[in-house]
Amino acid sequence: MGWCLASALAVFLAAHVALVAGLARRHAWGRAVVAFLVPPLAPWWGYRAGLRVATLAWCAALAVYAVGVIVA
């Protein structure tokens, strides 16, 4: 179960960095900084900016991690 939690956390962090970088590339510097510091805003703004795959990966990884923590 530990490898599942570690993998979900790694995917979550990678998706979060991808969302922040995607927002920065779209010249939304202020939103990128705030999204980096307040993680729940990253998928919200990322989805609206067209970063659908990273947003879905972020949400799925968070869900898998949460279920893994509950089960463990």
PDB file of N, CA and C in Angstrom:
ATOM      1  N   MET A   1       0.821  -1.191   0.000  1.00  0.00           N
ATOM      2  CA  MET A   1       0.000   0.000   0.000  1.00  0.00           C
ATOM      3  C   MET A   1       0.868   1.259   0.000  1.00  0.00           C
ATOM      4  N   GLY A   2       2.067   1.133   0.543  1.00  0.00           N
ATOM      5  CA  GLY A   2       2.951   2.279   0.610  1.00  0.00           C
ATOM      6  C   GLY A   2       3.370   2.784  -0.760  1.00  0.00           C
ATOM      7  N   TRP A   3       3.610   1.855  -1.688  1.00  0.00           N
ATOM      8  CA  TRP A   3       4.004   2.272  -3.041  1.00  0.00           C
ATOM      9  C   TRP A   3       2.864   2.994  -3.739  1.00  0.00           C
ATOM     10  N   CYS A   4       1.628   2.620  -3.457  1.00  0.00           N
ATOM     11  CA  CYS A   4       0.465   3.272  -4.063  1.00  0.00           C
ATOM     12  C   CYS A   4       0.348   4.717  -3.560  1.00  0.00           C
ATOM     13  N   LEU A   5       0.524   4.896  -2.271  1.00  0.00           N
ATOM     14  CA  LEU A   5       0.467   6.249  -1.708  1.00  0.00           C
ATOM     15  C   LEU A   5       1.613   7.113  -2.239  1.00  0.00           C
ATOM     16  N   ALA A   6       2.792   6.538  -2.302  1.00  0.00           N
ATOM     17  CA  ALA A   6       3.938   7.291  -2.805  1.00  0.00           C
ATOM     18  C   ALA A   6       3.749   7.656  -4.279  1.00  0.00           C
ATOM     19  N   SER A   7       3.228   6.725  -5.070  1.00  0.00           N
ATOM     20  CA  SER A   7       2.999   7.002  -6.490  1.00  0.00           C
ATOM     21  C   SER A   7       1.932   8.073  -6.671  1.00  0.00           C
ATOM     22  N   ALA A   8       0.850   7.980  -5.914  1.00  0.00           N
ATOM     23  CA  ALA A   8      -0.223   8.977  -6.015  1.00  0.00           C
ATOM     24  C   ALA A   8       0.285  10.357  -5.610  1.00  0.00           C
ATOM     25  N   LEU A   9       1.101  10.408  -4.575  1.00  0.00           N
ATOM     26  CA  LEU A   9       1.648  11.689  -4.136  1.00  0.00           C
ATOM     27  C   LEU A   9       2.602  12.265  -5.182  1.00  0.00           C
ATOM     28  N   ALA A  10       3.404  11.401  -5.802  1.00  0.00           N
ATOM     29  CA  ALA A  10       4.327  11.865  -6.848  1.00  0.00           C
ATOM     30  C   ALA A  10       3.568  12.399  -8.059  1.00  0.00           C
ATOM     31  N   VAL A  11       2.515  11.705  -8.468  1.00  0.00           N
ATOM     32  CA  VAL A  11       1.705  12.171  -9.596  1.00  0.00           C
ATOM     33  C   VAL A  11       1.003  13.477  -9.238  1.00  0.00           C
ATOM     34  N   PHE A  12       0.515  13.566  -8.022  1.00  0.00           N
ATOM     35  CA  PHE A  12      -0.135  14.797  -7.571  1.00  0.00           C
ATOM     36  C   PHE A  12       0.820  15.986  -7.633  1.00  0.00           C
ATOM     37  N   LEU A  13       2.028  15.809  -7.110  1.00  0.00           N
ATOM     38  CA  LEU A  13       3.001  16.900  -7.109  1.00  0.00           C
ATOM     39  C   LEU A  13       3.416  17.276  -8.529  1.00  0.00           C
ATOM     40  N   ALA A  14       3.597  16.269  -9.392  1.00  0.00           N
ATOM     41  CA  ALA A  14       3.965  16.555 -10.781  1.00  0.00           C
ATOM     42  C   ALA A  14       2.844  17.298 -11.505  1.00  0.00           C
ATOM     43  N   ALA A  15       1.609  16.897 -11.273  1.00  0.00           N
ATOM     44  CA  ALA A  15       0.474  17.577 -11.903  1.00  0.00           C
ATOM     45  C   ALA A  15       0.335  18.995 -11.372  1.00  0.00           C
ATOM     46  N   HIS A  16       0.605  19.185 -10.092  1.00  0.00           N
ATOM     47  CA  HIS A  16       0.514  20.531  -9.514  1.00  0.00           C
ATOM     48  C   HIS A  16       1.567  21.456 -10.133  1.00  0.00           C
ATOM     49  N   VAL A  17       2.780  20.952 -10.269  1.00  0.00           N
ATOM     50  CA  VAL A  17       3.838  21.751 -10.898  1.00  0.00           C
ATOM     51  C   VAL A  17       3.490  22.025 -12.358  1.00  0.00           C
ATOM     52  N   ALA A  18       2.917  21.044 -13.046  1.00  0.00           N
ATOM     53  CA  ALA A  18       2.520  21.243 -14.450  1.00  0.00           C
ATOM     54  C   ALA A  18       1.429  22.309 -14.557  1.00  0.00           C
ATOM     55  N   LEU A  19       0.494  22.309 -13.645  1.00  0.00           N
ATOM     56  CA  LEU A  19      -0.558  23.321 -13.665  1.00  0.00           C
ATOM     57  C   LEU A  19       0.007  24.717 -13.408  1.00  0.00           C
ATOM     58  N   VAL A  20       0.879  24.829 -12.434  1.00  0.00           N
ATOM     59  CA  VAL A  20       1.473  26.132 -12.126  1.00  0.00           C
ATOM     60  C   VAL A  20       2.318  26.614 -13.306  1.00  0.00           C
ATOM     61  N   ALA A  21       3.096  25.721 -13.895  1.00  0.00           N
ATOM     62  CA  ALA A  21       3.918  26.097 -15.055  1.00  0.00           C
ATOM     63  C   ALA A  21       3.040  26.471 -16.245  1.00  0.00           C
ATOM     64  N   GLY A  22       1.942  25.744 -16.436  1.00  0.00           N
ATOM     65  CA  GLY A  22       1.029  26.063 -17.524  1.00  0.00           C
ATOM     66  C   GLY A  22       0.379  27.423 -17.352  1.00  0.00           C
ATOM     67  N   LEU A  23       0.020  27.741 -16.127  1.00  0.00           N
ATOM     68  CA  LEU A  23      -0.544  29.066 -15.863  1.00  0.00           C
ATOM     69  C   LEU A  23       0.505  30.155 -16.108  1.00  0.00           C
ATOM     70  N   ALA A  24       1.736  29.896 -15.719  1.00  0.00           N
ATOM     71  CA  ALA A  24       2.795  30.883 -15.923  1.00  0.00           C
ATOM     72  C   ALA A  24       3.074  31.072 -17.415  1.00  0.00           C
ATOM     73  N   ARG A  25       3.027  29.977 -18.185  1.00  0.00           N
ATOM     74  CA  ARG A  25       3.255  30.080 -19.624  1.00  0.00           C
ATOM     75  C   ARG A  25       2.155  30.864 -20.323  1.00  0.00           C
ATOM     76  N   ARG A  26       0.990  30.883 -19.726  1.00  0.00           N
ATOM     77  CA  ARG A  26      -0.125  31.628 -20.311  1.00  0.00           C
ATOM     78  C   ARG A  26      -0.162  33.066 -19.780  1.00  0.00           C
ATOM     79  N   HIS A  27       0.930  33.507 -19.214  1.00  0.00           N
ATOM     80  CA  HIS A  27       1.106  34.876 -18.714  1.00  0.00           C
ATOM     81  C   HIS A  27       0.131  35.235 -17.600  1.00  0.00           C
ATOM     82  N   ALA A  28      -0.279  34.242 -16.826  1.00  0.00           N
ATOM     83  CA  ALA A  28      -1.094  34.475 -15.640  1.00  0.00           C
ATOM     84  C   ALA A  28      -0.173  34.336 -14.424  1.00  0.00           C
ATOM     85  N   TRP A  29       0.839  35.191 -14.354  1.00  0.00           N
ATOM     86  CA  TRP A  29       1.866  35.080 -13.315  1.00  0.00           C
ATOM     87  C   TRP A  29       1.272  35.156 -11.910  1.00  0.00           C
ATOM     88  N   GLY A  30       0.362  36.081 -11.707  1.00  0.00           N
ATOM     89  CA  GLY A  30      -0.236  36.223 -10.381  1.00  0.00           C
ATOM     90  C   GLY A  30      -0.993  34.975  -9.974  1.00  0.00           C
ATOM     91  N   ARG A  31      -1.758  34.429 -10.906  1.00  0.00           N
ATOM     92  CA  ARG A  31      -2.499  33.203 -10.600  1.00  0.00           C
ATOM     93  C   ARG A  31      -1.560  32.028 -10.386  1.00  0.00           C
ATOM     94  N   ALA A  32      -0.471  31.987 -11.115  1.00  0.00           N
ATOM     95  CA  ALA A  32       0.493  30.895 -10.953  1.00  0.00           C
ATOM     96  C   ALA A  32       1.098  30.911  -9.555  1.00  0.00           C
ATOM     97  N   VAL A  33       1.453  32.083  -9.074  1.00  0.00           N
ATOM     98  CA  VAL A  33       2.044  32.190  -7.727  1.00  0.00           C
ATOM     99  C   VAL A  33       1.023  31.809  -6.665  1.00  0.00           C
ATOM    100  N   VAL A  34      -0.188  32.323  -6.795  1.00  0.00           N
ATOM    101  CA  VAL A  34      -1.233  32.008  -5.812  1.00  0.00           C
ATOM    102  C   VAL A  34      -1.588  30.525  -5.869  1.00  0.00           C
ATOM    103  N   ALA A  35      -1.673  29.962  -7.083  1.00  0.00           N
ATOM    104  CA  ALA A  35      -1.994  28.539  -7.224  1.00  0.00           C
ATOM    105  C   ALA A  35      -0.898  27.666  -6.633  1.00  0.00           C
ATOM    106  N   PHE A  36       0.345  28.118  -6.701  1.00  0.00           N
ATOM    107  CA  PHE A  36       1.437  27.359  -6.095  1.00  0.00           C
ATOM    108  C   PHE A  36       1.299  27.342  -4.572  1.00  0.00           C
ATOM    109  N   LEU A  37       0.879  28.452  -4.004  1.00  0.00           N
ATOM    110  CA  LEU A  37       0.765  28.560  -2.551  1.00  0.00           C
ATOM    111  C   LEU A  37      -0.560  28.025  -2.004  1.00  0.00           C
ATOM    112  N   VAL A  38      -1.616  28.072  -2.805  1.00  0.00           N
ATOM    113  CA  VAL A  38      -2.943  27.590  -2.395  1.00  0.00           C
ATOM    114  C   VAL A  38      -3.350  26.495  -3.390  1.00  0.00           C
ATOM    115  N   PRO A  39      -2.963  25.246  -3.136  1.00  0.00           N
ATOM    116  CA  PRO A  39      -3.139  24.170  -4.108  1.00  0.00           C
ATOM    117  C   PRO A  39      -4.549  23.975  -4.670  1.00  0.00           C
ATOM    118  N   PRO A  40      -5.641  24.152  -3.912  1.00  0.00           N
ATOM    119  CA  PRO A  40      -6.959  23.927  -4.517  1.00  0.00           C
ATOM    120  C   PRO A  40      -7.307  24.884  -5.657  1.00  0.00           C
ATOM    121  N   LEU A  41      -6.624  25.997  -5.755  1.00  0.00           N
ATOM    122  CA  LEU A  41      -6.902  26.934  -6.840  1.00  0.00           C
ATOM    123  C   LEU A  41      -6.255  26.505  -8.157  1.00  0.00           C
ATOM    124  N   ALA A  42      -5.223  25.680  -8.092  1.00  0.00           N
ATOM    125  CA  ALA A  42      -4.517  25.264  -9.302  1.00  0.00           C
ATOM    126  C   ALA A  42      -5.425  24.529 -10.296  1.00  0.00           C
ATOM    127  N   PRO A  43      -6.183  23.517  -9.879  1.00  0.00           N
ATOM    128  CA  PRO A  43      -7.033  22.849 -10.877  1.00  0.00           C
ATOM    129  C   PRO A  43      -8.187  23.731 -11.356  1.00  0.00           C
ATOM    130  N   TRP A  44      -8.677  24.572 -10.481  1.00  0.00           N
ATOM    131  CA  TRP A  44      -9.780  25.457 -10.869  1.00  0.00           C
ATOM    132  C   TRP A  44      -9.349  26.388 -11.991  1.00  0.00           C
ATOM    133  N   TRP A  45      -8.245  27.093 -11.782  1.00  0.00           N
ATOM    134  CA  TRP A  45      -7.750  28.025 -12.792  1.00  0.00           C
ATOM    135  C   TRP A  45      -7.145  27.288 -13.977  1.00  0.00           C
ATOM    136  N   GLY A  46      -6.540  26.132 -13.726  1.00  0.00           N
ATOM    137  CA  GLY A  46      -5.957  25.354 -14.815  1.00  0.00           C
ATOM    138  C   GLY A  46      -7.013  24.855 -15.781  1.00  0.00           C
ATOM    139  N   TYR A  47      -8.125  24.399 -15.261  1.00  0.00           N
ATOM    140  CA  TYR A  47      -9.204  23.915 -16.131  1.00  0.00           C
ATOM    141  C   TYR A  47      -9.749  25.058 -16.978  1.00  0.00           C
ATOM    142  N   ARG A  48      -9.912  26.218 -16.373  1.00  0.00           N
ATOM    143  CA  ARG A  48     -10.424  27.380 -17.111  1.00  0.00           C
ATOM    144  C   ARG A  48      -9.420  27.884 -18.140  1.00  0.00           C
ATOM    145  N   ALA A  49      -8.126  27.602 -17.921  1.00  0.00           N
ATOM    146  CA  ALA A  49      -7.088  28.032 -18.855  1.00  0.00           C
ATOM    147  C   ALA A  49      -6.837  27.000 -19.951  1.00  0.00           C
ATOM    148  N   GLY A  50      -7.555  25.877 -19.916  1.00  0.00           N
ATOM    149  CA  GLY A  50      -7.406  24.863 -20.959  1.00  0.00           C
ATOM    150  C   GLY A  50      -6.435  23.747 -20.621  1.00  0.00           C
ATOM    151  N   LEU A  51      -6.002  23.655 -19.391  1.00  0.00           N
ATOM    152  CA  LEU A  51      -5.070  22.607 -18.970  1.00  0.00           C
ATOM    153  C   LEU A  51      -5.862  21.408 -18.429  1.00  0.00           C
ATOM    154  N   ARG A  52      -6.657  20.812 -19.290  1.00  0.00           N
ATOM    155  CA  ARG A  52      -7.604  19.781 -18.868  1.00  0.00           C
ATOM    156  C   ARG A  52      -6.912  18.493 -18.387  1.00  0.00           C
ATOM    157  N   VAL A  53      -5.888  18.037 -19.102  1.00  0.00           N
ATOM    158  CA  VAL A  53      -5.231  16.776 -18.732  1.00  0.00           C
ATOM    159  C   VAL A  53      -4.534  16.899 -17.383  1.00  0.00           C
ATOM    160  N   ALA A  54      -3.811  17.980 -17.177  1.00  0.00           N
ATOM    161  CA  ALA A  54      -3.130  18.178 -15.895  1.00  0.00           C
ATOM    162  C   ALA A  54      -4.130  18.318 -14.756  1.00  0.00           C
ATOM    163  N   THR A  55      -5.253  18.971 -15.029  1.00  0.00           N
ATOM    164  CA  THR A  55      -6.285  19.123 -14.001  1.00  0.00           C
ATOM    165  C   THR A  55      -6.882  17.769 -13.636  1.00  0.00           C
ATOM    166  N   LEU A  56      -7.174  16.948 -14.636  1.00  0.00           N
ATOM    167  CA  LEU A  56      -7.731  15.617 -14.351  1.00  0.00           C
ATOM    168  C   LEU A  56      -6.717  14.738 -13.619  1.00  0.00           C
ATOM    169  N   ALA A  57      -5.435  14.834 -13.985  1.00  0.00           N
ATOM    170  CA  ALA A  57      -4.400  14.069 -13.282  1.00  0.00           C
ATOM    171  C   ALA A  57      -4.286  14.531 -11.830  1.00  0.00           C
ATOM    172  N   TRP A  58      -4.374  15.834 -11.603  1.00  0.00           N
ATOM    173  CA  TRP A  58      -4.303  16.401 -10.253  1.00  0.00           C
ATOM    174  C   TRP A  58      -5.444  15.846  -9.394  1.00  0.00           C
ATOM    175  N   CYS A  59      -6.661  15.902  -9.937  1.00  0.00           N
ATOM    176  CA  CYS A  59      -7.839  15.449  -9.182  1.00  0.00           C
ATOM    177  C   CYS A  59      -7.816  13.944  -8.948  1.00  0.00           C
ATOM    178  N   ALA A  60      -7.435  13.181  -9.964  1.00  0.00           N
ATOM    179  CA  ALA A  60      -7.392  11.721  -9.827  1.00  0.00           C
ATOM    180  C   ALA A  60      -6.340  11.300  -8.811  1.00  0.00           C
ATOM    181  N   ALA A  61      -5.170  11.917  -8.864  1.00  0.00           N
ATOM    182  CA  ALA A  61      -4.112  11.569  -7.917  1.00  0.00           C
ATOM    183  C   ALA A  61      -4.516  11.923  -6.492  1.00  0.00           C
ATOM    184  N   LEU A  62      -5.177  13.056  -6.326  1.00  0.00           N
ATOM    185  CA  LEU A  62      -5.645  13.431  -4.991  1.00  0.00           C
ATOM    186  C   LEU A  62      -6.685  12.435  -4.479  1.00  0.00           C
ATOM    187  N   ALA A  63      -7.583  12.008  -5.341  1.00  0.00           N
ATOM    188  CA  ALA A  63      -8.602  11.037  -4.943  1.00  0.00           C
ATOM    189  C   ALA A  63      -7.971   9.696  -4.569  1.00  0.00           C
ATOM    190  N   VAL A  64      -7.031   9.225  -5.374  1.00  0.00           N
ATOM    191  CA  VAL A  64      -6.355   7.954  -5.071  1.00  0.00           C
ATOM    192  C   VAL A  64      -5.592   8.062  -3.757  1.00  0.00           C
ATOM    193  N   TYR A  65      -4.922   9.172  -3.552  1.00  0.00           N
ATOM    194  CA  TYR A  65      -4.171   9.363  -2.298  1.00  0.00           C
ATOM    195  C   TYR A  65      -5.121   9.393  -1.098  1.00  0.00           C
ATOM    196  N   ALA A  66      -6.236  10.099  -1.224  1.00  0.00           N
ATOM    197  CA  ALA A  66      -7.186  10.184  -0.115  1.00  0.00           C
ATOM    198  C   ALA A  66      -7.768   8.814   0.219  1.00  0.00           C
ATOM    199  N   VAL A  67      -8.138   8.068  -0.799  1.00  0.00           N
ATOM    200  CA  VAL A  67      -8.671   6.721  -0.559  1.00  0.00           C
ATOM    201  C   VAL A  67      -7.588   5.832   0.071  1.00  0.00           C
ATOM    202  N   GLY A  68      -6.364   5.961  -0.403  1.00  0.00           N
ATOM    203  CA  GLY A  68      -5.277   5.171   0.167  1.00  0.00           C
ATOM    204  C   GLY A  68      -5.029   5.493   1.624  1.00  0.00           C
ATOM    205  N   VAL A  69      -5.110   6.748   1.987  1.00  0.00           N
ATOM    206  CA  VAL A  69      -4.926   7.136   3.385  1.00  0.00           C
ATOM    207  C   VAL A  69      -6.069   6.599   4.243  1.00  0.00           C
ATOM    208  N   ILE A  70      -7.281   6.654   3.705  1.00  0.00           N
ATOM    209  CA  ILE A  70      -8.429   6.133   4.467  1.00  0.00           C
ATOM    210  C   ILE A  70      -8.320   4.634   4.679  1.00  0.00           C
ATOM    211  N   VAL A  71      -7.903   3.913   3.641  1.00  0.00           N
ATOM    212  CA  VAL A  71      -7.790   2.459   3.733  1.00  0.00           C
ATOM    213  C   VAL A  71      -6.636   2.051   4.645  1.00  0.00           C
ATOM    214  N   ALA A  72      -5.562   2.791   4.579  1.00  0.00           N
ATOM    215  CA  ALA A  72      -4.375   2.442   5.396  1.00  0.00           C
ATOM    216  C   ALA A  72      -4.628   2.800   6.817  1.00  0.00           C
TER     217      ALA A  72
END
